[in-house]
């Protein structure tokens, strides 16, 4: 295939440098712009590293960078990496590059969990209740989808997809039903979460997401070789002694937990798990031992970049990152659909 990267080491080095640059811009830019050298000085001071000579900083700048923008940016990096890697894994499991992490009910389950926490009125007591309920809802949706699709220890991909659609519709109906009985204030709270965003993220959100996301991504990295075998087909995988149903289920479970954790702290953010893996696959090929790390870098880069652009697009108003990813991702999704139609099937 033409257009693929030949020097992958240079590609990863370039992506890493670009990620560092976008991260610095995300920290420096906003309603209160902070010079890059002052930003570096603040980071060095907070991390107890040698400072940057000649940078003059104020307590207000330190508060903006470290207590407001740093947790927001770190959550963006974690969520972007989680969604992109999970999307790449699910596309590999389903053999369809139009698949994304929400296809087996993760997003609808998380939404039902979140609306349940809001309806019960417990979100005012602790910021952790809504993420906890969202995680439980997402895992419940995935478990229900898999149980509906599994027959005799096997999980047919098409049946799993159909079960995911059915569970998503069921959970969506339950969510809408709860919304009809809620007060206007609580409906606004839920809609604010559903749009998806990184604003008002605090260090508590970072602590909540960092462990499950990093562990989940590392497990998926370690299973990249098994995923390479799995996408060859069930018969080929069984011929080398792989328990197909177990690894498919395990990959889906880890992807779902990783995605659910990301959704817990950011709300519903679409298209990251769809377009980032597809672009990285075009550039690097289908080898998942290379593809998954690339998706982790590109996912964090894409989400933090969208968030930074959204803050600068219509100042002083902020366009939430969920809207930005939809504005960029929806046209690309339509392009993929059109390309699939011309090719006579799914990608």
C-alpha atoms as a PDB file:
ATOM      1  CA  UNK A   1       0.000   0.000   0.000  1.00  0.00           C
ATOM      2  CA  UNK A   2       1.390   3.396  -0.992  1.00  0.00           C
ATOM      3  CA  UNK A   3       1.815   6.195   1.530  1.00  0.00           C
ATOM      4  CA  UNK A   4       2.978   4.028   4.417  1.00  0.00           C
ATOM      5  CA  UNK A   5       5.764   5.219   6.659  1.00  0.00           C
ATOM      6  CA  UNK A   6       9.070   3.470   5.974  1.00  0.00           C
ATOM      7  CA  UNK A   7      11.157   4.761   8.882  1.00  0.00           C
ATOM      8  CA  UNK A   8       8.967   3.952  11.884  1.00  0.00           C
ATOM      9  CA  UNK A   9      11.587   5.059  14.418  1.00  0.00           C
ATOM     10  CA  UNK A  10      11.623   8.544  12.914  1.00  0.00           C
ATOM     11  CA  UNK A  11       7.828   8.523  12.813  1.00  0.00           C
ATOM     12  CA  UNK A  12       7.528   7.749  16.527  1.00  0.00           C
ATOM     13  CA  UNK A  13      10.197  10.322  17.388  1.00  0.00           C
ATOM     14  CA  UNK A  14       8.358  12.959  15.358  1.00  0.00           C
ATOM     15  CA  UNK A  15       5.024  12.052  16.924  1.00  0.00           C
ATOM     16  CA  UNK A  16       6.528  12.266  20.411  1.00  0.00           C
ATOM     17  CA  UNK A  17       8.004  15.712  19.738  1.00  0.00           C
ATOM     18  CA  UNK A  18       4.717  16.896  18.263  1.00  0.00           C
ATOM     19  CA  UNK A  19       2.869  15.605  21.319  1.00  0.00           C
ATOM     20  CA  UNK A  20       5.216  17.503  23.635  1.00  0.00           C
ATOM     21  CA  UNK A  21       4.726  20.666  21.588  1.00  0.00           C
ATOM     22  CA  UNK A  22       0.927  20.425  21.586  1.00  0.00           C
ATOM     23  CA  UNK A  23       0.949  19.684  25.318  1.00  0.00           C
ATOM     24  CA  UNK A  24       2.961  22.842  26.007  1.00  0.00           C
ATOM     25  CA  UNK A  25       0.586  24.897  23.853  1.00  0.00           C
ATOM     26  CA  UNK A  26      -2.371  23.420  25.723  1.00  0.00           C
ATOM     27  CA  UNK A  27      -0.812  24.490  29.010  1.00  0.00           C
ATOM     28  CA  UNK A  28       0.172  27.960  27.793  1.00  0.00           C
ATOM     29  CA  UNK A  29      -2.872  28.987  25.748  1.00  0.00           C
ATOM     30  CA  UNK A  30      -6.271  29.953  27.102  1.00  0.00           C
ATOM     31  CA  UNK A  31      -8.223  32.910  28.384  1.00  0.00           C
ATOM     32  CA  UNK A  32      -5.058  33.763  30.311  1.00  0.00           C
ATOM     33  CA  UNK A  33      -2.050  33.185  28.065  1.00  0.00           C
ATOM     34  CA  UNK A  34       1.182  32.232  29.810  1.00  0.00           C
ATOM     35  CA  UNK A  35       4.539  32.502  27.980  1.00  0.00           C
ATOM     36  CA  UNK A  36       6.171  29.192  27.118  1.00  0.00           C
ATOM     37  CA  UNK A  37       9.296  29.935  29.166  1.00  0.00           C
ATOM     38  CA  UNK A  38       7.139  30.783  32.195  1.00  0.00           C
ATOM     39  CA  UNK A  39       5.166  27.565  31.650  1.00  0.00           C
ATOM     40  CA  UNK A  40       8.381  25.551  31.598  1.00  0.00           C
ATOM     41  CA  UNK A  41       9.568  27.282  34.770  1.00  0.00           C
ATOM     42  CA  UNK A  42       6.329  26.475  36.582  1.00  0.00           C
ATOM     43  CA  UNK A  43       6.512  22.836  35.511  1.00  0.00           C
ATOM     44  CA  UNK A  44      10.137  22.631  36.627  1.00  0.00           C
ATOM     45  CA  UNK A  45       9.297  24.120  40.022  1.00  0.00           C
ATOM     46  CA  UNK A  46       6.324  21.850  40.625  1.00  0.00           C
ATOM     47  CA  UNK A  47       8.287  18.778  39.566  1.00  0.00           C
ATOM     48  CA  UNK A  48      11.365  19.910  41.535  1.00  0.00           C
ATOM     49  CA  UNK A  49      13.513  20.121  38.426  1.00  0.00           C
ATOM     50  CA  UNK A  50      16.057  22.803  37.461  1.00  0.00           C
ATOM     51  CA  UNK A  51      14.145  25.884  36.330  1.00  0.00           C
ATOM     52  CA  UNK A  52      14.415  27.800  33.083  1.00  0.00           C
ATOM     53  CA  UNK A  53      16.638  30.816  33.522  1.00  0.00           C
ATOM     54  CA  UNK A  54      15.154  34.259  32.980  1.00  0.00           C
ATOM     55  CA  UNK A  55      11.477  33.299  33.373  1.00  0.00           C
ATOM     56  CA  UNK A  56       9.413  35.542  35.628  1.00  0.00           C
ATOM     57  CA  UNK A  57       6.253  33.979  36.997  1.00  0.00           C
ATOM     58  CA  UNK A  58       3.385  35.051  39.263  1.00  0.00           C
ATOM     59  CA  UNK A  59       1.287  33.026  41.739  1.00  0.00           C
ATOM     60  CA  UNK A  60      -1.707  33.436  39.403  1.00  0.00           C
ATOM     61  CA  UNK A  61       0.220  31.885  36.512  1.00  0.00           C
ATOM     62  CA  UNK A  62       1.309  28.989  38.721  1.00  0.00           C
ATOM     63  CA  UNK A  63      -2.280  28.364  39.774  1.00  0.00           C
ATOM     64  CA  UNK A  64      -3.561  28.477  36.177  1.00  0.00           C
ATOM     65  CA  UNK A  65      -0.888  26.129  34.827  1.00  0.00           C
ATOM     66  CA  UNK A  66      -0.632  23.570  37.620  1.00  0.00           C
ATOM     67  CA  UNK A  67      -4.100  23.469  39.177  1.00  0.00           C
ATOM     68  CA  UNK A  68      -6.336  24.164  36.151  1.00  0.00           C
ATOM     69  CA  UNK A  69      -4.626  23.313  32.859  1.00  0.00           C
ATOM     70  CA  UNK A  70      -2.249  20.536  33.903  1.00  0.00           C
ATOM     71  CA  UNK A  71      -4.967  18.140  35.140  1.00  0.00           C
ATOM     72  CA  UNK A  72      -7.101  19.031  32.123  1.00  0.00           C
ATOM     73  CA  UNK A  73      -4.274  18.251  29.721  1.00  0.00           C
ATOM     74  CA  UNK A  74      -3.308  15.019  31.478  1.00  0.00           C
ATOM     75  CA  UNK A  75      -6.921  13.820  31.399  1.00  0.00           C
ATOM     76  CA  UNK A  76      -6.966  14.649  27.683  1.00  0.00           C
ATOM     77  CA  UNK A  77      -3.831  12.603  27.068  1.00  0.00           C
ATOM     78  CA  UNK A  78      -5.181   9.637  29.043  1.00  0.00           C
ATOM     79  CA  UNK A  79      -8.658   9.717  27.490  1.00  0.00           C
ATOM     80  CA  UNK A  80      -7.340  10.179  23.949  1.00  0.00           C
ATOM     81  CA  UNK A  81      -4.896   7.295  24.298  1.00  0.00           C
ATOM     82  CA  UNK A  82      -7.527   5.045  25.902  1.00  0.00           C
ATOM     83  CA  UNK A  83     -10.163   5.672  23.223  1.00  0.00           C
ATOM     84  CA  UNK A  84      -7.739   5.332  20.304  1.00  0.00           C
ATOM     85  CA  UNK A  85      -6.089   2.119  21.527  1.00  0.00           C
ATOM     86  CA  UNK A  86      -9.453   0.571  22.458  1.00  0.00           C
ATOM     87  CA  UNK A  87     -10.815   1.553  19.049  1.00  0.00           C
ATOM     88  CA  UNK A  88      -7.878  -0.085  17.261  1.00  0.00           C
ATOM     89  CA  UNK A  89      -8.356  -3.286  19.271  1.00  0.00           C
ATOM     90  CA  UNK A  90     -12.085  -3.440  18.577  1.00  0.00           C
ATOM     91  CA  UNK A  91     -11.539  -2.795  14.887  1.00  0.00           C
ATOM     92  CA  UNK A  92      -9.099  -5.687  14.884  1.00  0.00           C
ATOM     93  CA  UNK A  93     -11.428  -7.995  16.816  1.00  0.00           C
ATOM     94  CA  UNK A  94     -14.376  -7.240  14.545  1.00  0.00           C
ATOM     95  CA  UNK A  95     -12.285  -7.064  11.357  1.00  0.00           C
ATOM     96  CA  UNK A  96     -14.006  -3.776  10.524  1.00  0.00           C
ATOM     97  CA  UNK A  97     -12.381  -0.347  10.581  1.00  0.00           C
ATOM     98  CA  UNK A  98     -15.797   1.289  11.068  1.00  0.00           C
ATOM     99  CA  UNK A  99     -16.031  -0.169  14.575  1.00  0.00           C
ATOM    100  CA  UNK A 100     -15.392   1.963  17.652  1.00  0.00           C
ATOM    101  CA  UNK A 101     -15.465   1.474  21.448  1.00  0.00           C
ATOM    102  CA  UNK A 102     -19.152   2.342  21.687  1.00  0.00           C
ATOM    103  CA  UNK A 103     -20.224  -0.472  19.406  1.00  0.00           C
ATOM    104  CA  UNK A 104     -20.825  -3.001  22.200  1.00  0.00           C
ATOM    105  CA  UNK A 105     -22.764  -0.641  24.456  1.00  0.00           C
ATOM    106  CA  UNK A 106     -19.996   0.995  26.485  1.00  0.00           C
ATOM    107  CA  UNK A 107     -21.147   4.579  25.903  1.00  0.00           C
ATOM    108  CA  UNK A 108     -24.858   3.875  26.427  1.00  0.00           C
ATOM    109  CA  UNK A 109     -24.116   1.908  29.591  1.00  0.00           C
ATOM    110  CA  UNK A 110     -21.950   4.696  30.962  1.00  0.00           C
ATOM    111  CA  UNK A 111     -24.665   7.237  30.144  1.00  0.00           C
ATOM    112  CA  UNK A 112     -27.278   5.190  32.009  1.00  0.00           C
ATOM    113  CA  UNK A 113     -24.973   4.889  35.009  1.00  0.00           C
ATOM    114  CA  UNK A 114     -24.272   8.610  35.018  1.00  0.00           C
ATOM    115  CA  UNK A 115     -27.940   9.601  34.733  1.00  0.00           C
ATOM    116  CA  UNK A 116     -28.789   7.196  37.555  1.00  0.00           C
ATOM    117  CA  UNK A 117     -26.255   8.880  39.843  1.00  0.00           C
ATOM    118  CA  UNK A 118     -27.638  12.320  38.948  1.00  0.00           C
ATOM    119  CA  UNK A 119     -31.251  11.217  39.403  1.00  0.00           C
ATOM    120  CA  UNK A 120     -30.458   9.808  42.852  1.00  0.00           C
ATOM    121  CA  UNK A 121     -28.947  13.160  43.832  1.00  0.00           C
ATOM    122  CA  UNK A 122     -25.704  11.665  45.111  1.00  0.00           C
ATOM    123  CA  UNK A 123     -23.389  13.578  42.770  1.00  0.00           C
ATOM    124  CA  UNK A 124     -23.496  16.560  45.137  1.00  0.00           C
ATOM    125  CA  UNK A 125     -21.880  14.504  47.908  1.00  0.00           C
ATOM    126  CA  UNK A 126     -18.771  13.424  45.982  1.00  0.00           C
ATOM    127  CA  UNK A 127     -17.341  13.862  42.490  1.00  0.00           C
ATOM    128  CA  UNK A 128     -16.565  10.126  42.396  1.00  0.00           C
ATOM    129  CA  UNK A 129     -20.176   8.903  42.390  1.00  0.00           C
ATOM    130  CA  UNK A 130     -20.921   9.757  38.759  1.00  0.00           C
ATOM    131  CA  UNK A 131     -17.716   8.109  37.403  1.00  0.00           C
ATOM    132  CA  UNK A 132     -18.349   5.062  39.592  1.00  0.00           C
ATOM    133  CA  UNK A 133     -21.929   4.643  38.383  1.00  0.00           C
ATOM    134  CA  UNK A 134     -20.853   5.277  34.784  1.00  0.00           C
ATOM    135  CA  UNK A 135     -18.212   2.553  35.052  1.00  0.00           C
ATOM    136  CA  UNK A 136     -20.715   0.102  36.528  1.00  0.00           C
ATOM    137  CA  UNK A 137     -23.203   0.903  33.771  1.00  0.00           C
ATOM    138  CA  UNK A 138     -20.606   0.425  31.039  1.00  0.00           C
ATOM    139  CA  UNK A 139     -19.477  -2.923  32.407  1.00  0.00           C
ATOM    140  CA  UNK A 140     -23.100  -4.022  32.807  1.00  0.00           C
ATOM    141  CA  UNK A 141     -23.778  -3.163  29.152  1.00  0.00           C
ATOM    142  CA  UNK A 142     -20.719  -5.063  27.951  1.00  0.00           C
ATOM    143  CA  UNK A 143     -21.569  -8.077  30.084  1.00  0.00           C
ATOM    144  CA  UNK A 144     -25.135  -8.132  28.778  1.00  0.00           C
ATOM    145  CA  UNK A 145     -23.959  -7.784  25.171  1.00  0.00           C
ATOM    146  CA  UNK A 146     -21.476 -10.636  25.463  1.00  0.00           C
ATOM    147  CA  UNK A 147     -23.944 -12.901  27.284  1.00  0.00           C
ATOM    148  CA  UNK A 148     -26.522 -12.353  24.541  1.00  0.00           C
ATOM    149  CA  UNK A 149     -23.984 -13.108  21.797  1.00  0.00           C
ATOM    150  CA  UNK A 150     -22.212 -16.109  23.317  1.00  0.00           C
ATOM    151  CA  UNK A 151     -23.391 -19.549  22.258  1.00  0.00           C
ATOM    152  CA  UNK A 152     -21.602 -22.792  23.157  1.00  0.00           C
ATOM    153  CA  UNK A 153     -18.497 -20.890  24.210  1.00  0.00           C
ATOM    154  CA  UNK A 154     -18.279 -19.041  20.882  1.00  0.00           C
ATOM    155  CA  UNK A 155     -18.868 -15.357  20.142  1.00  0.00           C
ATOM    156  CA  UNK A 156     -19.927 -14.785  16.508  1.00  0.00           C
ATOM    157  CA  UNK A 157     -18.805 -11.298  15.519  1.00  0.00           C
ATOM    158  CA  UNK A 158     -21.997 -10.377  13.660  1.00  0.00           C
ATOM    159  CA  UNK A 159     -24.197 -11.556  16.535  1.00  0.00           C
ATOM    160  CA  UNK A 160     -22.050  -9.529  18.940  1.00  0.00           C
ATOM    161  CA  UNK A 161     -22.501  -6.405  16.816  1.00  0.00           C
ATOM    162  CA  UNK A 162     -26.271  -6.889  16.670  1.00  0.00           C
ATOM    163  CA  UNK A 163     -26.420  -7.548  20.412  1.00  0.00           C
ATOM    164  CA  UNK A 164     -24.408  -4.360  20.999  1.00  0.00           C
ATOM    165  CA  UNK A 165     -26.890  -2.344  18.934  1.00  0.00           C
ATOM    166  CA  UNK A 166     -29.831  -3.851  20.822  1.00  0.00           C
ATOM    167  CA  UNK A 167     -28.272  -3.214  24.246  1.00  0.00           C
ATOM    168  CA  UNK A 168     -27.390   0.358  23.251  1.00  0.00           C
ATOM    169  CA  UNK A 169     -30.986   1.003  22.204  1.00  0.00           C
ATOM    170  CA  UNK A 170     -32.307  -0.536  25.421  1.00  0.00           C
ATOM    171  CA  UNK A 171     -29.998   1.461  27.670  1.00  0.00           C
ATOM    172  CA  UNK A 172     -30.670   4.594  25.612  1.00  0.00           C
ATOM    173  CA  UNK A 173     -34.415   4.158  26.109  1.00  0.00           C
ATOM    174  CA  UNK A 174     -33.912   3.689  29.846  1.00  0.00           C
ATOM    175  CA  UNK A 175     -31.774   6.837  29.963  1.00  0.00           C
ATOM    176  CA  UNK A 176     -34.425   8.860  28.119  1.00  0.00           C
ATOM    177  CA  UNK A 177     -37.096   7.489  30.441  1.00  0.00           C
ATOM    178  CA  UNK A 178     -35.189   8.668  33.506  1.00  0.00           C
ATOM    179  CA  UNK A 179     -34.631  12.075  31.903  1.00  0.00           C
ATOM    180  CA  UNK A 180     -38.384  12.648  31.553  1.00  0.00           C
ATOM    181  CA  UNK A 181     -38.813  12.495  35.340  1.00  0.00           C
ATOM    182  CA  UNK A 182     -35.830  14.655  36.283  1.00  0.00           C
ATOM    183  CA  UNK A 183     -35.752  18.325  37.181  1.00  0.00           C
ATOM    184  CA  UNK A 184     -34.467  20.818  34.643  1.00  0.00           C
ATOM    185  CA  UNK A 185     -31.326  21.469  36.696  1.00  0.00           C
ATOM    186  CA  UNK A 186     -30.343  17.807  36.768  1.00  0.00           C
ATOM    187  CA  UNK A 187     -31.124  17.409  33.054  1.00  0.00           C
ATOM    188  CA  UNK A 188     -28.680  20.225  32.317  1.00  0.00           C
ATOM    189  CA  UNK A 189     -26.053  18.503  34.467  1.00  0.00           C
ATOM    190  CA  UNK A 190     -26.460  15.281  32.499  1.00  0.00           C
ATOM    191  CA  UNK A 191     -26.428  17.007  29.099  1.00  0.00           C
ATOM    192  CA  UNK A 192     -23.251  18.847  30.116  1.00  0.00           C
ATOM    193  CA  UNK A 193     -21.626  15.471  30.826  1.00  0.00           C
ATOM    194  CA  UNK A 194     -22.988  13.882  27.640  1.00  0.00           C
ATOM    195  CA  UNK A 195     -21.426  16.491  25.342  1.00  0.00           C
ATOM    196  CA  UNK A 196     -17.993  15.430  26.558  1.00  0.00           C
ATOM    197  CA  UNK A 197     -15.310  17.806  27.692  1.00  0.00           C
ATOM    198  CA  UNK A 198     -12.107  18.345  29.616  1.00  0.00           C
ATOM    199  CA  UNK A 199     -13.081  21.582  31.336  1.00  0.00           C
ATOM    200  CA  UNK A 200     -13.246  21.605  35.123  1.00  0.00           C
ATOM    201  CA  UNK A 201     -11.070  18.499  35.342  1.00  0.00           C
ATOM    202  CA  UNK A 202      -9.090  18.368  38.567  1.00  0.00           C
ATOM    203  CA  UNK A 203      -6.238  16.277  39.889  1.00  0.00           C
ATOM    204  CA  UNK A 204      -8.803  13.915  41.377  1.00  0.00           C
ATOM    205  CA  UNK A 205      -9.913  13.026  37.837  1.00  0.00           C
ATOM    206  CA  UNK A 206      -6.308  12.300  36.894  1.00  0.00           C
ATOM    207  CA  UNK A 207      -5.874  10.016  39.901  1.00  0.00           C
ATOM    208  CA  UNK A 208      -9.149   8.270  39.055  1.00  0.00           C
ATOM    209  CA  UNK A 209      -8.177   7.546  35.435  1.00  0.00           C
ATOM    210  CA  UNK A 210      -4.416   7.083  35.399  1.00  0.00           C
ATOM    211  CA  UNK A 211      -4.238   3.614  36.956  1.00  0.00           C
ATOM    212  CA  UNK A 212      -6.976   1.786  35.010  1.00  0.00           C
ATOM    213  CA  UNK A 213      -6.130   3.490  31.708  1.00  0.00           C
ATOM    214  CA  UNK A 214      -2.382   2.828  31.820  1.00  0.00           C
ATOM    215  CA  UNK A 215      -2.822  -0.751  33.042  1.00  0.00           C
ATOM    216  CA  UNK A 216      -5.470  -1.409  30.390  1.00  0.00           C
ATOM    217  CA  UNK A 217      -3.338   0.022  27.593  1.00  0.00           C
ATOM    218  CA  UNK A 218      -0.275  -1.963  28.717  1.00  0.00           C
ATOM    219  CA  UNK A 219      -2.291  -5.196  28.764  1.00  0.00           C
ATOM    220  CA  UNK A 220      -3.529  -4.483  25.249  1.00  0.00           C
ATOM    221  CA  UNK A 221       0.050  -3.800  24.138  1.00  0.00           C
ATOM    222  CA  UNK A 222       1.094  -7.182  25.515  1.00  0.00           C
ATOM    223  CA  UNK A 223      -1.780  -8.858  23.647  1.00  0.00           C
ATOM    224  CA  UNK A 224      -0.938  -7.222  20.312  1.00  0.00           C
ATOM    225  CA  UNK A 225       0.638 -10.417  18.958  1.00  0.00           C
ATOM    226  CA  UNK A 226      -2.470 -12.409  19.832  1.00  0.00           C
ATOM    227  CA  UNK A 227      -4.609  -9.797  18.100  1.00  0.00           C
ATOM    228  CA  UNK A 228      -2.468 -10.153  14.972  1.00  0.00           C
ATOM    229  CA  UNK A 229      -3.252 -13.863  14.952  1.00  0.00           C
ATOM    230  CA  UNK A 230      -6.928 -13.349  15.758  1.00  0.00           C
ATOM    231  CA  UNK A 231      -7.592 -11.091  12.775  1.00  0.00           C
ATOM    232  CA  UNK A 232      -6.360 -13.804  10.398  1.00  0.00           C
ATOM    233  CA  UNK A 233      -9.605 -15.658  11.089  1.00  0.00           C
ATOM    234  CA  UNK A 234     -10.959 -18.138  13.614  1.00  0.00           C
ATOM    235  CA  UNK A 235      -9.775 -21.190  11.717  1.00  0.00           C
ATOM    236  CA  UNK A 236      -6.216 -19.905  11.336  1.00  0.00           C
ATOM    237  CA  UNK A 237      -6.105 -18.877  14.992  1.00  0.00           C
ATOM    238  CA  UNK A 238      -7.290 -22.273  16.173  1.00  0.00           C
ATOM    239  CA  UNK A 239      -4.732 -23.980  13.951  1.00  0.00           C
ATOM    240  CA  UNK A 240      -1.935 -22.427  16.026  1.00  0.00           C
ATOM    241  CA  UNK A 241      -3.611 -23.438  19.281  1.00  0.00           C
ATOM    242  CA  UNK A 242      -5.218 -20.119  20.228  1.00  0.00           C
ATOM    243  CA  UNK A 243      -8.466 -20.260  22.262  1.00  0.00           C
ATOM    244  CA  UNK A 244     -10.319 -17.815  20.029  1.00  0.00           C
ATOM    245  CA  UNK A 245     -13.372 -17.174  22.202  1.00  0.00           C
ATOM    246  CA  UNK A 246     -11.276 -16.505  25.312  1.00  0.00           C
ATOM    247  CA  UNK A 247      -8.935 -13.988  23.685  1.00  0.00           C
ATOM    248  CA  UNK A 248     -11.749 -12.239  21.827  1.00  0.00           C
ATOM    249  CA  UNK A 249     -13.702 -11.922  25.059  1.00  0.00           C
ATOM    250  CA  UNK A 250     -10.654 -10.844  27.055  1.00  0.00           C
ATOM    251  CA  UNK A 251      -9.650  -8.215  24.488  1.00  0.00           C
ATOM    252  CA  UNK A 252     -13.178  -6.836  24.437  1.00  0.00           C
ATOM    253  CA  UNK A 253     -13.336  -6.778  28.228  1.00  0.00           C
ATOM    254  CA  UNK A 254     -10.045  -4.901  28.672  1.00  0.00           C
ATOM    255  CA  UNK A 255     -10.991  -2.481  25.891  1.00  0.00           C
ATOM    256  CA  UNK A 256     -14.372  -1.900  27.490  1.00  0.00           C
ATOM    257  CA  UNK A 257     -12.903  -1.238  30.946  1.00  0.00           C
ATOM    258  CA  UNK A 258     -10.334   1.144  29.476  1.00  0.00           C
ATOM    259  CA  UNK A 259     -12.988   2.966  27.447  1.00  0.00           C
ATOM    260  CA  UNK A 260     -15.413   3.095  30.380  1.00  0.00           C
ATOM    261  CA  UNK A 261     -12.748   4.648  32.605  1.00  0.00           C
ATOM    262  CA  UNK A 262     -12.078   7.289  29.951  1.00  0.00           C
ATOM    263  CA  UNK A 263     -15.791   8.017  29.553  1.00  0.00           C
ATOM    264  CA  UNK A 264     -16.141   8.302  33.339  1.00  0.00           C
ATOM    265  CA  UNK A 265     -13.819  11.288  33.603  1.00  0.00           C
ATOM    266  CA  UNK A 266     -14.553  13.079  30.315  1.00  0.00           C
ATOM    267  CA  UNK A 267     -18.116  12.268  29.324  1.00  0.00           C
ATOM    268  CA  UNK A 268     -18.976  10.915  25.901  1.00  0.00           C
ATOM    269  CA  UNK A 269     -16.371  11.910  23.299  1.00  0.00           C
ATOM    270  CA  UNK A 270     -16.957  10.424  19.894  1.00  0.00           C
ATOM    271  CA  UNK A 271     -14.870   9.554  16.833  1.00  0.00           C
ATOM    272  CA  UNK A 272     -11.457   9.368  18.550  1.00  0.00           C
ATOM    273  CA  UNK A 273     -11.627   5.580  18.592  1.00  0.00           C
ATOM    274  CA  UNK A 274     -12.720   5.564  14.957  1.00  0.00           C
ATOM    275  CA  UNK A 275     -10.580   7.961  12.962  1.00  0.00           C
ATOM    276  CA  UNK A 276      -7.263   7.801  14.861  1.00  0.00           C
ATOM    277  CA  UNK A 277      -6.780   4.003  14.468  1.00  0.00           C
ATOM    278  CA  UNK A 278      -7.850   4.182  10.821  1.00  0.00           C
ATOM    279  CA  UNK A 279      -5.322   6.920   9.990  1.00  0.00           C
ATOM    280  CA  UNK A 280      -2.542   5.166  11.891  1.00  0.00           C
ATOM    281  CA  UNK A 281      -3.347   1.921  10.079  1.00  0.00           C
ATOM    282  CA  UNK A 282      -3.055   3.715   6.740  1.00  0.00           C
ATOM    283  CA  UNK A 283       0.332   5.123   7.751  1.00  0.00           C
ATOM    284  CA  UNK A 284       1.870   2.136   9.552  1.00  0.00           C
ATOM    285  CA  UNK A 285      -0.039  -0.925   8.383  1.00  0.00           C
ATOM    286  CA  UNK A 286      -2.044  -3.502  10.372  1.00  0.00           C
ATOM    287  CA  UNK A 287       0.774  -4.806  12.614  1.00  0.00           C
ATOM    288  CA  UNK A 288      -0.710  -4.175  16.055  1.00  0.00           C
ATOM    289  CA  UNK A 289       2.611  -4.227  17.913  1.00  0.00           C
ATOM    290  CA  UNK A 290       3.344  -0.993  16.066  1.00  0.00           C
ATOM    291  CA  UNK A 291      -0.201   0.227  15.555  1.00  0.00           C
ATOM    292  CA  UNK A 292      -1.303   0.282  19.210  1.00  0.00           C
ATOM    293  CA  UNK A 293       1.585   2.456  20.526  1.00  0.00           C
ATOM    294  CA  UNK A 294       1.070   4.787  17.572  1.00  0.00           C
ATOM    295  CA  UNK A 295      -2.625   5.056  18.415  1.00  0.00           C
ATOM    296  CA  UNK A 296      -1.782   5.886  22.034  1.00  0.00           C
ATOM    297  CA  UNK A 297       0.417   8.789  20.924  1.00  0.00           C
ATOM    298  CA  UNK A 298      -1.920   9.970  18.183  1.00  0.00           C
ATOM    299  CA  UNK A 299      -5.038   9.681  20.354  1.00  0.00           C
ATOM    300  CA  UNK A 300      -3.586  11.877  23.078  1.00  0.00           C
ATOM    301  CA  UNK A 301      -2.270  14.307  20.464  1.00  0.00           C
ATOM    302  CA  UNK A 302      -5.620  14.491  18.672  1.00  0.00           C
ATOM    303  CA  UNK A 303      -7.743  15.043  21.783  1.00  0.00           C
ATOM    304  CA  UNK A 304      -5.453  17.604  23.420  1.00  0.00           C
ATOM    305  CA  UNK A 305      -5.098  19.368  20.070  1.00  0.00           C
ATOM    306  CA  UNK A 306      -8.892  19.515  19.635  1.00  0.00           C
ATOM    307  CA  UNK A 307      -9.279  20.845  23.174  1.00  0.00           C
ATOM    308  CA  UNK A 308      -6.638  23.533  22.584  1.00  0.00           C
ATOM    309  CA  UNK A 309      -8.259  24.629  19.330  1.00  0.00           C
ATOM    310  CA  UNK A 310     -11.686  24.668  20.974  1.00  0.00           C
ATOM    311  CA  UNK A 311     -10.433  27.084  23.629  1.00  0.00           C
ATOM    312  CA  UNK A 312      -9.107  29.478  20.990  1.00  0.00           C
ATOM    313  CA  UNK A 313     -11.785  29.149  18.318  1.00  0.00           C
ATOM    314  CA  UNK A 314     -14.417  31.620  19.561  1.00  0.00           C
ATOM    315  CA  UNK A 315     -12.853  33.522  22.491  1.00  0.00           C
ATOM    316  CA  UNK A 316     -13.869  33.988  25.235  1.00  0.00           C
ATOM    317  CA  UNK A 317     -16.428  31.197  24.618  1.00  0.00           C
ATOM    318  CA  UNK A 318     -15.053  27.665  24.796  1.00  0.00           C
ATOM    319  CA  UNK A 319     -16.090  24.977  22.315  1.00  0.00           C
ATOM    320  CA  UNK A 320     -16.097  21.680  24.227  1.00  0.00           C
ATOM    321  CA  UNK A 321     -13.786  18.984  22.967  1.00  0.00           C
ATOM    322  CA  UNK A 322     -16.664  16.560  22.322  1.00  0.00           C
ATOM    323  CA  UNK A 323     -18.056  19.026  19.801  1.00  0.00           C
ATOM    324  CA  UNK A 324     -14.632  19.548  18.209  1.00  0.00           C
ATOM    325  CA  UNK A 325     -14.014  15.831  17.708  1.00  0.00           C
ATOM    326  CA  UNK A 326     -17.495  15.465  16.182  1.00  0.00           C
ATOM    327  CA  UNK A 327     -16.893  18.374  13.795  1.00  0.00           C
ATOM    328  CA  UNK A 328     -13.640  16.780  12.627  1.00  0.00           C
ATOM    329  CA  UNK A 329     -14.653  13.142  12.897  1.00  0.00           C
ATOM    330  CA  UNK A 330     -18.109  13.147  11.305  1.00  0.00           C
ATOM    331  CA  UNK A 331     -16.889  14.187   7.806  1.00  0.00           C
ATOM    332  CA  UNK A 332     -14.148  11.562   7.958  1.00  0.00           C
ATOM    333  CA  UNK A 333     -16.671   8.924   9.016  1.00  0.00           C
ATOM    334  CA  UNK A 334     -18.861   9.818   6.036  1.00  0.00           C
ATOM    335  CA  UNK A 335     -15.789   9.529   3.830  1.00  0.00           C
ATOM    336  CA  UNK A 336     -15.134   6.028   5.182  1.00  0.00           C
ATOM    337  CA  UNK A 337     -18.740   5.041   4.540  1.00  0.00           C
ATOM    338  CA  UNK A 338     -18.530   6.320   0.984  1.00  0.00           C
ATOM    339  CA  UNK A 339     -15.272   4.484   0.438  1.00  0.00           C
ATOM    340  CA  UNK A 340     -16.802   1.295   1.821  1.00  0.00           C
ATOM    341  CA  UNK A 341     -19.738   1.595  -0.573  1.00  0.00           C
ATOM    342  CA  UNK A 342     -17.426   2.019  -3.547  1.00  0.00           C
ATOM    343  CA  UNK A 343     -15.401  -0.994  -2.428  1.00  0.00           C
ATOM    344  CA  UNK A 344     -18.513  -3.146  -2.256  1.00  0.00           C
ATOM    345  CA  UNK A 345     -18.386  -3.788   1.507  1.00  0.00           C
ATOM    346  CA  UNK A 346     -17.007  -2.741   4.847  1.00  0.00           C
ATOM    347  CA  UNK A 347     -13.428  -1.613   5.149  1.00  0.00           C
END
